[in-house]
Structures are given as C-alpha cells and as structure tokens.
Amino acid sequence: MTVQAGILRLLKQLCDDSGLAVIVVTHDLGVMSTVSDELSVFYAGRVVEHGPTTALLRDPRHPYTRGLLDS
C-alpha cells in the first residue's frame, strides 16, 4: 500500500466514524473516486461541475473535468 492510499483510507475511516466532512484539493480524480461521495471540479476559481462522484466521473460535462480524467 502506498502512503497516499493509507492516508486516504484513514481519512475515509475518520469521516465514516465521526460524521465529519473533509475537503481534499487534488488533480487526481481517480484517487478521489474511492473515497468521496461528492465531487466539485474548479476551473479558473469557479465550480464548473458538482455532483455525486460516481455520476460525475461516469459522465463528465466540462472539458476541464474530461481533461483531468484523461491525464
């Protein structure tokens, strides 16, 4: 297991156990698919997409989101 995977697993467990929310800033949407319920994509300081993680990753609408997924 990588350090990144271990930290994300601990964050998810903390959120699940305590009911807290965590904001993670990343360009790696694939990693977030395993730990987030909702996802917001920002471009040029504005939210360009927001929704349930699985739906947003399955059908990205904004070109920037598609670019992040393709990278």
N, C-alpha and C. Protein backbone atom coordinates (compact mmCIF):
# COMPACT_ATOMS: atom_id res chain seq x y z
N MET A 1 0.85 -1.18 0.00
CA MET A 1 0.00 0.00 0.00
C MET A 1 0.89 1.24 0.00
N THR A 2 0.51 2.21 -0.80
CA THR A 2 1.27 3.46 -0.85
C THR A 2 0.91 4.34 0.33
N VAL A 3 1.75 5.31 0.62
CA VAL A 3 1.46 6.27 1.68
C VAL A 3 0.17 7.01 1.35
N GLN A 4 0.01 7.40 0.08
CA GLN A 4 -1.19 8.11 -0.34
C GLN A 4 -2.45 7.29 -0.06
N ALA A 5 -2.43 6.03 -0.43
CA ALA A 5 -3.59 5.16 -0.22
C ALA A 5 -3.88 5.00 1.27
N GLY A 6 -2.84 4.88 2.07
CA GLY A 6 -3.03 4.74 3.51
C GLY A 6 -3.65 5.98 4.13
N ILE A 7 -3.18 7.15 3.73
CA ILE A 7 -3.74 8.40 4.25
C ILE A 7 -5.19 8.56 3.84
N LEU A 8 -5.50 8.28 2.58
CA LEU A 8 -6.88 8.40 2.12
C LEU A 8 -7.79 7.42 2.83
N ARG A 9 -7.30 6.21 3.08
CA ARG A 9 -8.10 5.22 3.81
C ARG A 9 -8.38 5.70 5.23
N LEU A 10 -7.37 6.28 5.89
CA LEU A 10 -7.57 6.81 7.23
C LEU A 10 -8.54 7.98 7.24
N LEU A 11 -8.45 8.87 6.25
CA LEU A 11 -9.40 9.99 6.16
C LEU A 11 -10.83 9.49 5.99
N LYS A 12 -11.01 8.50 5.12
CA LYS A 12 -12.35 7.95 4.90
C LYS A 12 -12.89 7.32 6.18
N GLN A 13 -12.04 6.58 6.88
CA GLN A 13 -12.46 5.94 8.13
C GLN A 13 -12.84 7.00 9.16
N LEU A 14 -12.05 8.06 9.27
CA LEU A 14 -12.34 9.14 10.19
C LEU A 14 -13.69 9.78 9.88
N CYS A 15 -13.93 10.04 8.62
CA CYS A 15 -15.21 10.64 8.20
C CYS A 15 -16.37 9.69 8.50
N ASP A 16 -16.21 8.43 8.17
CA ASP A 16 -17.27 7.45 8.41
C ASP A 16 -17.57 7.30 9.90
N ASP A 17 -16.53 7.27 10.71
CA ASP A 17 -16.70 7.06 12.15
C ASP A 17 -17.25 8.28 12.87
N SER A 18 -16.88 9.47 12.43
CA SER A 18 -17.23 10.68 13.17
C SER A 18 -18.30 11.53 12.51
N GLY A 19 -18.60 11.26 11.25
CA GLY A 19 -19.58 12.08 10.55
C GLY A 19 -19.02 13.40 10.06
N LEU A 20 -17.71 13.58 10.16
CA LEU A 20 -17.07 14.80 9.69
C LEU A 20 -16.94 14.81 8.18
N ALA A 21 -16.79 15.98 7.64
CA ALA A 21 -16.52 16.14 6.21
C ALA A 21 -15.09 16.62 6.05
N VAL A 22 -14.48 16.25 4.95
CA VAL A 22 -13.11 16.65 4.65
C VAL A 22 -13.08 17.20 3.23
N ILE A 23 -12.35 18.28 3.04
CA ILE A 23 -12.14 18.83 1.71
C ILE A 23 -10.72 18.48 1.28
N VAL A 24 -10.61 17.84 0.14
CA VAL A 24 -9.30 17.45 -0.39
C VAL A 24 -9.12 18.15 -1.73
N VAL A 25 -8.01 18.84 -1.89
CA VAL A 25 -7.70 19.51 -3.14
C VAL A 25 -6.70 18.63 -3.89
N THR A 26 -7.08 18.19 -5.09
CA THR A 26 -6.22 17.31 -5.86
C THR A 26 -6.54 17.43 -7.35
N HIS A 27 -5.61 17.02 -8.17
CA HIS A 27 -5.86 16.93 -9.61
C HIS A 27 -6.10 15.47 -10.00
N ASP A 28 -5.98 14.55 -9.05
CA ASP A 28 -6.10 13.12 -9.32
C ASP A 28 -7.51 12.64 -8.99
N LEU A 29 -8.42 12.79 -9.94
CA LEU A 29 -9.81 12.41 -9.70
C LEU A 29 -9.98 10.92 -9.50
N GLY A 30 -9.11 10.12 -10.10
CA GLY A 30 -9.20 8.68 -9.93
C GLY A 30 -9.03 8.26 -8.48
N VAL A 31 -8.13 8.92 -7.78
CA VAL A 31 -7.93 8.62 -6.36
C VAL A 31 -9.18 8.97 -5.56
N MET A 32 -9.80 10.08 -5.89
CA MET A 32 -10.96 10.52 -5.13
C MET A 32 -12.18 9.63 -5.36
N SER A 33 -12.18 8.92 -6.46
CA SER A 33 -13.33 8.06 -6.74
C SER A 33 -13.52 6.99 -5.67
N THR A 34 -12.48 6.65 -4.96
CA THR A 34 -12.59 5.60 -3.95
C THR A 34 -12.94 6.13 -2.57
N VAL A 35 -12.83 7.44 -2.35
CA VAL A 35 -13.03 7.96 -1.00
C VAL A 35 -14.08 9.05 -0.89
N SER A 36 -14.59 9.57 -1.99
CA SER A 36 -15.52 10.70 -1.88
C SER A 36 -16.93 10.32 -2.29
N ASP A 37 -17.89 10.98 -1.65
CA ASP A 37 -19.29 10.82 -2.00
C ASP A 37 -19.71 11.85 -3.05
N GLU A 38 -19.19 13.06 -2.88
CA GLU A 38 -19.48 14.15 -3.81
C GLU A 38 -18.18 14.78 -4.27
N LEU A 39 -18.25 15.38 -5.44
CA LEU A 39 -17.04 15.94 -6.04
C LEU A 39 -17.38 17.28 -6.67
N SER A 40 -16.51 18.25 -6.46
CA SER A 40 -16.62 19.54 -7.14
C SER A 40 -15.35 19.74 -7.95
N VAL A 41 -15.51 20.20 -9.17
CA VAL A 41 -14.38 20.49 -10.04
C VAL A 41 -14.33 22.00 -10.23
N PHE A 42 -13.18 22.58 -9.91
CA PHE A 42 -12.98 24.02 -10.05
C PHE A 42 -12.10 24.27 -11.27
N TYR A 43 -12.44 25.32 -12.00
CA TYR A 43 -11.61 25.78 -13.11
C TYR A 43 -11.60 27.30 -13.08
N ALA A 44 -10.43 27.89 -13.08
CA ALA A 44 -10.27 29.34 -13.04
C ALA A 44 -11.01 29.96 -11.86
N GLY A 45 -10.96 29.27 -10.72
CA GLY A 45 -11.55 29.80 -9.50
C GLY A 45 -13.05 29.63 -9.37
N ARG A 46 -13.66 28.90 -10.27
CA ARG A 46 -15.12 28.70 -10.23
C ARG A 46 -15.46 27.22 -10.30
N VAL A 47 -16.56 26.86 -9.65
CA VAL A 47 -17.04 25.49 -9.73
C VAL A 47 -17.66 25.29 -11.11
N VAL A 48 -17.12 24.33 -11.87
CA VAL A 48 -17.66 24.06 -13.20
C VAL A 48 -18.50 22.78 -13.22
N GLU A 49 -18.31 21.93 -12.21
CA GLU A 49 -19.14 20.73 -12.07
C GLU A 49 -19.21 20.35 -10.60
N HIS A 50 -20.35 19.83 -10.20
CA HIS A 50 -20.53 19.33 -8.84
C HIS A 50 -21.60 18.26 -8.87
N GLY A 51 -21.37 17.21 -8.11
CA GLY A 51 -22.38 16.16 -8.02
C GLY A 51 -21.83 14.91 -7.37
N PRO A 52 -22.65 13.87 -7.34
CA PRO A 52 -22.18 12.59 -6.81
C PRO A 52 -20.96 12.12 -7.59
N THR A 53 -19.97 11.64 -6.89
CA THR A 53 -18.70 11.27 -7.51
C THR A 53 -18.87 10.29 -8.65
N THR A 54 -19.62 9.22 -8.43
CA THR A 54 -19.74 8.20 -9.48
C THR A 54 -20.40 8.76 -10.73
N ALA A 55 -21.43 9.58 -10.57
CA ALA A 55 -22.11 10.16 -11.73
C ALA A 55 -21.21 11.14 -12.47
N LEU A 56 -20.50 11.97 -11.71
CA LEU A 56 -19.64 12.97 -12.33
C LEU A 56 -18.49 12.32 -13.09
N LEU A 57 -17.92 11.26 -12.53
CA LEU A 57 -16.81 10.60 -13.21
C LEU A 57 -17.28 9.76 -14.39
N ARG A 58 -18.49 9.26 -14.31
CA ARG A 58 -19.04 8.45 -15.40
C ARG A 58 -19.41 9.31 -16.60
N ASP A 59 -19.90 10.53 -16.35
CA ASP A 59 -20.38 11.39 -17.43
C ASP A 59 -19.94 12.84 -17.21
N PRO A 60 -18.64 13.12 -17.33
CA PRO A 60 -18.18 14.49 -17.12
C PRO A 60 -18.69 15.42 -18.22
N ARG A 61 -19.15 16.60 -17.81
CA ARG A 61 -19.73 17.55 -18.78
C ARG A 61 -18.74 18.61 -19.22
N HIS A 62 -17.88 19.04 -18.33
CA HIS A 62 -16.98 20.15 -18.63
C HIS A 62 -15.68 19.63 -19.25
N PRO A 63 -15.14 20.33 -20.24
CA PRO A 63 -13.89 19.90 -20.88
C PRO A 63 -12.73 19.76 -19.88
N TYR A 64 -12.68 20.62 -18.87
CA TYR A 64 -11.60 20.53 -17.88
C TYR A 64 -11.69 19.23 -17.09
N THR A 65 -12.90 18.84 -16.72
CA THR A 65 -13.09 17.58 -16.00
C THR A 65 -12.66 16.41 -16.86
N ARG A 66 -13.05 16.44 -18.12
CA ARG A 66 -12.64 15.36 -19.04
C ARG A 66 -11.12 15.33 -19.18
N GLY A 67 -10.50 16.50 -19.22
CA GLY A 67 -9.04 16.56 -19.31
C GLY A 67 -8.36 15.98 -18.08
N LEU A 68 -8.91 16.27 -16.90
CA LEU A 68 -8.34 15.69 -15.68
C LEU A 68 -8.46 14.18 -15.69
N LEU A 69 -9.58 13.68 -16.16
CA LEU A 69 -9.78 12.23 -16.18
C LEU A 69 -8.88 11.55 -17.21
N ASP A 70 -8.58 12.25 -18.29
CA ASP A 70 -7.73 11.67 -19.34
C ASP A 70 -6.24 11.75 -19.01
N SER A 71 -5.89 12.55 -18.01
CA SER A 71 -4.46 12.72 -17.71
C SER A 71 -3.90 11.60 -16.86
